[in-house]
Amino acid sequence: MMRSKGTGSGAVDRIQELILVEGLRPGEPMPTESALCERLRISRSSVREAMRTLASLDIVEVRHGHGTFVGQLSLSPLVEGLLFRARLDDGNDLRALREVVELRIAIDLSVAEQLAEIYRDSANPDLERLVEQMRELASTGRPFPEADAAFHTALFSRLDNRLLRQLAQAFWEIHTAALPLLELPPAEDILDTVDAHQAMLSALEAGDVIAYRRAVLEHYRPLGRVLDAAASAELPAG
């Protein structure tokens, strides 16, 4: 039997243990506040404090009017914390965004062999449709974050490493959320990014690791040019 703890951190630990013991999965309902108080022998205020902490970590999700559910357990809170720490240490949002982009590139490059083995000699009409959707939007000057996100999520979805998939998704979400905050101008060569998505897919279907890695770098090159231009604009005149 678990020992009673009165602190908020103790309540957090015990609620997490309950989720594990009960085998609750993301999206499933949590016991009510009253039930948690009774089962864990902790106060209502401790339960509420613990739930706020767990919600901030995406371990639980509070849906007002519907109850509390097991969260999606994403890594977004971790990445948000890392991004905030970078901004706090340096005071430079642009540099923090660049570091997130560098991490995304590193992840994309690191799985080249795995993805090439998975997609070799395969046909992927769903991914092809997403590339065409991006092309249609880009050709009329419209952004395509939803299609871009769907492409990368689908591309990584067949990897066995669930933690890596979550980490890649979290960095993508933070990257996408940060771009509008910095008010960076759109890349004039955004169609190159679309072509790079197609090149990434074609390379993987051919099992060509080198071509895939080259396409990954091309995918990020337009954004890199925008970040370079923004950084230059921030430099004081000599």
Protein backbone atom coordinates (compact mmCIF):
# COMPACT_ATOMS: atom_id res chain seq x y z
CA MET A 1 0.00 0.00 0.00
CA MET A 2 1.25 3.47 -0.84
CA ARG A 3 2.08 5.69 2.10
CA SER A 4 0.13 8.88 2.58
CA LYS A 5 1.97 12.07 1.70
CA GLY A 6 0.70 15.54 2.43
CA THR A 7 2.84 17.54 0.03
CA GLY A 8 1.80 18.54 -3.48
CA SER A 9 4.76 16.66 -4.96
CA GLY A 10 3.69 13.56 -3.07
CA ALA A 11 0.20 13.85 -4.51
CA VAL A 12 1.67 14.19 -8.01
CA ASP A 13 3.69 11.00 -7.54
CA ARG A 14 0.72 9.08 -6.20
CA ILE A 15 -1.65 10.14 -8.97
CA GLN A 16 0.95 9.13 -11.54
CA GLU A 17 1.32 5.78 -9.81
CA LEU A 18 -2.45 5.33 -9.89
CA ILE A 19 -2.49 5.95 -13.66
CA LEU A 20 0.16 3.26 -14.09
CA VAL A 21 -1.45 0.75 -11.74
CA GLU A 22 -4.88 1.19 -13.31
CA GLY A 23 -3.40 0.94 -16.81
CA LEU A 24 -5.11 4.15 -17.93
CA ARG A 25 -4.33 5.23 -21.48
CA PRO A 26 -4.26 8.71 -23.08
CA GLY A 27 -7.78 10.05 -23.47
CA GLU A 28 -9.33 7.80 -20.84
CA PRO A 29 -11.17 9.43 -17.93
CA MET A 30 -9.48 9.92 -14.59
CA PRO A 31 -11.20 9.13 -11.30
CA THR A 32 -13.15 12.06 -9.90
CA GLU A 33 -11.58 14.47 -7.44
CA SER A 34 -13.59 12.93 -4.60
CA ALA A 35 -12.54 9.43 -5.59
CA LEU A 36 -8.87 10.44 -5.68
CA CYS A 37 -9.13 12.00 -2.22
CA GLU A 38 -10.67 8.83 -0.83
CA ARG A 39 -8.44 6.33 -2.60
CA LEU A 40 -5.15 8.16 -2.02
CA ARG A 41 -6.07 9.59 1.40
CA ILE A 42 -5.03 13.10 0.47
CA SER A 43 -6.83 16.42 0.77
CA ARG A 44 -8.89 18.03 -1.96
CA SER A 45 -6.47 20.96 -2.14
CA SER A 46 -3.56 18.55 -2.65
CA VAL A 47 -5.42 16.82 -5.48
CA ARG A 48 -6.17 20.14 -7.17
CA GLU A 49 -2.58 21.33 -6.86
CA ALA A 50 -1.31 18.02 -8.21
CA MET A 51 -3.73 18.15 -11.14
CA ARG A 52 -2.51 21.61 -12.10
CA THR A 53 1.07 20.33 -12.11
CA LEU A 54 0.16 17.22 -14.11
CA ALA A 55 -1.83 19.27 -16.60
CA SER A 56 1.19 21.50 -17.22
CA LEU A 57 3.15 18.34 -18.07
CA ASP A 58 0.39 17.01 -20.38
CA ILE A 59 0.00 13.97 -18.12
CA VAL A 60 -3.63 14.88 -17.48
CA GLU A 61 -6.02 17.05 -19.46
CA VAL A 62 -8.79 19.03 -17.77
CA ARG A 63 -11.82 19.44 -20.02
CA HIS A 64 -14.07 21.98 -18.37
CA GLY A 65 -17.60 20.66 -18.07
CA HIS A 66 -16.52 17.13 -18.94
CA GLY A 67 -13.97 16.05 -16.35
CA THR A 68 -10.30 15.14 -16.24
CA PHE A 69 -8.66 12.68 -18.61
CA VAL A 70 -5.26 11.13 -19.06
CA GLY A 71 -3.29 13.53 -21.27
CA GLN A 72 -1.53 12.79 -24.53
CA LEU A 73 1.82 12.59 -22.71
CA SER A 74 3.53 14.66 -25.39
CA LEU A 75 6.98 16.18 -25.02
CA SER A 76 5.79 19.70 -25.84
CA PRO A 77 6.13 20.90 -22.22
CA LEU A 78 9.74 19.70 -22.18
CA VAL A 79 10.57 21.46 -25.44
CA GLU A 80 8.77 24.63 -24.37
CA GLY A 81 10.85 24.64 -21.22
CA LEU A 82 14.06 24.19 -23.19
CA LEU A 83 13.09 26.98 -25.56
CA PHE A 84 12.24 29.33 -22.69
CA ARG A 85 15.54 28.52 -20.98
CA ALA A 86 17.41 29.35 -24.17
CA ARG A 87 15.57 32.65 -24.45
CA LEU A 88 16.16 33.41 -20.76
CA ASP A 89 19.87 32.60 -20.88
CA ASP A 90 20.53 34.55 -24.05
CA GLY A 91 17.66 37.04 -24.26
CA ASN A 92 17.56 36.38 -28.01
CA ASP A 93 14.38 34.87 -29.48
CA LEU A 94 15.97 34.59 -32.92
CA ARG A 95 18.88 32.54 -31.62
CA ALA A 96 16.50 30.30 -29.65
CA LEU A 97 14.49 29.62 -32.81
CA ARG A 98 17.65 28.87 -34.75
CA GLU A 99 18.64 26.31 -32.11
CA VAL A 100 15.22 24.63 -32.41
CA VAL A 101 15.65 24.48 -36.19
CA GLU A 102 19.11 22.96 -35.77
CA LEU A 103 17.66 20.28 -33.50
CA ARG A 104 14.94 19.51 -36.05
CA ILE A 105 17.59 19.10 -38.75
CA ALA A 106 19.64 16.82 -36.49
CA ILE A 107 16.63 14.60 -35.82
CA ASP A 108 15.65 14.42 -39.49
CA LEU A 109 19.20 13.47 -40.49
CA SER A 110 19.63 10.94 -37.68
CA VAL A 111 16.80 8.69 -38.88
CA ALA A 112 17.87 8.61 -42.54
CA GLU A 113 18.91 4.94 -42.58
CA GLN A 114 15.81 3.82 -40.68
CA LEU A 115 13.43 5.71 -42.94
CA ALA A 116 15.17 4.53 -46.11
CA GLU A 117 14.79 0.94 -44.97
CA ILE A 118 11.11 1.47 -44.17
CA TYR A 119 10.11 3.31 -47.35
CA ARG A 120 12.36 1.56 -49.89
CA ASP A 121 10.36 0.38 -52.96
CA SER A 122 7.07 1.63 -51.50
CA ALA A 123 4.30 3.88 -52.87
CA ASN A 124 2.92 6.60 -50.61
CA PRO A 125 -0.03 8.37 -52.23
CA ASP A 126 -1.05 10.07 -48.98
CA LEU A 127 2.35 11.74 -48.69
CA GLU A 128 2.28 12.64 -52.40
CA ARG A 129 -1.09 14.36 -51.89
CA LEU A 130 0.31 16.39 -49.02
CA VAL A 131 3.21 17.56 -51.20
CA GLU A 132 0.76 18.61 -53.92
CA GLN A 133 -1.35 20.43 -51.34
CA MET A 134 1.75 22.34 -50.21
CA ARG A 135 2.59 23.16 -53.83
CA GLU A 136 -0.89 24.51 -54.56
CA LEU A 137 -0.82 26.73 -51.48
CA ALA A 138 2.74 27.96 -52.03
CA SER A 139 2.06 28.80 -55.69
CA THR A 140 -0.58 31.31 -54.57
CA GLY A 141 1.57 32.76 -51.78
CA ARG A 142 -0.27 31.01 -48.96
CA PRO A 143 1.49 29.26 -46.04
CA PHE A 144 1.00 25.54 -45.53
CA PRO A 145 1.80 24.70 -41.88
CA GLU A 146 -0.97 22.10 -41.56
CA ALA A 147 0.11 20.15 -44.64
CA ASP A 148 3.76 20.47 -43.60
CA ALA A 149 2.99 19.12 -40.13
CA ALA A 150 0.91 16.27 -41.55
CA PHE A 151 3.74 15.32 -43.94
CA HIS A 152 6.40 15.09 -41.24
CA THR A 153 4.09 13.34 -38.79
CA ALA A 154 3.12 10.75 -41.39
CA LEU A 155 6.73 10.30 -42.51
CA PHE A 156 7.89 9.55 -38.95
CA SER A 157 4.78 7.56 -37.98
CA ARG A 158 6.33 4.26 -39.09
CA LEU A 159 9.41 4.60 -36.90
CA ASP A 160 9.50 2.14 -34.01
CA ASN A 161 10.96 4.69 -31.59
CA ARG A 162 7.87 6.35 -30.11
CA LEU A 163 9.92 8.74 -27.97
CA LEU A 164 11.77 9.98 -31.03
CA ARG A 165 8.48 10.51 -32.88
CA GLN A 166 7.13 12.55 -29.98
CA LEU A 167 10.30 14.61 -29.66
CA ALA A 168 10.31 15.43 -33.38
CA GLN A 169 6.65 16.44 -33.21
CA ALA A 170 7.21 18.61 -30.14
CA PHE A 171 10.10 20.49 -31.75
CA TRP A 172 8.00 21.00 -34.87
CA GLU A 173 5.13 22.45 -32.83
CA ILE A 174 7.39 24.85 -30.94
CA HIS A 175 9.13 25.87 -34.15
CA THR A 176 5.79 26.61 -35.83
CA ALA A 177 4.48 28.52 -32.83
CA ALA A 178 7.63 30.65 -32.56
CA LEU A 179 7.79 31.79 -36.19
CA PRO A 180 4.77 34.18 -36.09
CA LEU A 181 5.97 35.68 -32.80
CA LEU A 182 9.20 36.81 -34.45
CA GLU A 183 7.39 38.35 -37.43
CA LEU A 184 9.94 36.98 -39.88
CA PRO A 185 9.27 37.68 -43.56
CA PRO A 186 8.21 34.65 -45.61
CA ALA A 187 10.90 32.97 -47.66
CA GLU A 188 10.68 34.10 -51.27
CA ASP A 189 11.89 30.69 -52.41
CA ILE A 190 9.25 28.75 -50.47
CA LEU A 191 8.58 26.58 -53.52
CA ASP A 192 12.09 25.20 -53.00
CA THR A 193 10.88 23.88 -49.67
CA VAL A 194 7.99 22.10 -51.39
CA ASP A 195 10.39 20.58 -53.93
CA ALA A 196 12.56 19.42 -51.03
CA HIS A 197 9.61 17.57 -49.48
CA GLN A 198 9.12 15.73 -52.76
CA ALA A 199 12.85 15.03 -52.99
CA MET A 200 12.87 13.63 -49.43
CA LEU A 201 10.03 11.25 -50.25
CA SER A 202 11.48 10.19 -53.60
CA ALA A 203 14.87 9.53 -52.04
CA LEU A 204 13.37 7.35 -49.31
CA GLU A 205 11.29 5.37 -51.80
CA ALA A 206 14.51 4.77 -53.75
CA GLY A 207 16.34 3.80 -50.54
CA ASP A 208 18.87 6.57 -51.18
CA VAL A 209 20.12 7.78 -47.79
CA ILE A 210 22.52 10.37 -49.22
CA ALA A 211 19.84 11.93 -51.43
CA TYR A 212 17.42 12.03 -48.49
CA ARG A 213 19.92 13.87 -46.31
CA ARG A 214 20.66 16.31 -49.13
CA ALA A 215 16.91 16.97 -49.49
CA VAL A 216 16.55 17.54 -45.73
CA LEU A 217 19.18 20.27 -45.88
CA GLU A 218 17.47 21.81 -48.90
CA HIS A 219 14.17 21.70 -47.01
CA TYR A 220 15.54 23.96 -44.28
CA ARG A 221 17.71 26.17 -46.49
CA PRO A 222 15.02 28.82 -47.30
CA LEU A 223 14.24 29.23 -43.61
CA GLY A 224 17.95 29.45 -42.85
CA ARG A 225 18.30 32.32 -45.30
CA VAL A 226 15.40 34.15 -43.65
CA LEU A 227 16.94 33.68 -40.20
CA ASP A 228 20.33 34.87 -41.47
CA ALA A 229 18.75 37.99 -42.96
CA ALA A 230 16.86 38.71 -39.74
CA ALA A 231 20.02 38.27 -37.66
CA SER A 232 21.93 40.64 -39.96
CA ALA A 233 19.18 43.24 -39.61
CA GLU A 234 19.54 43.11 -35.83
CA LEU A 235 23.30 43.83 -35.93
CA PRO A 236 24.25 47.40 -35.03
CA ALA A 237 25.64 49.48 -37.84
CA GLY A 238 29.44 49.41 -37.94
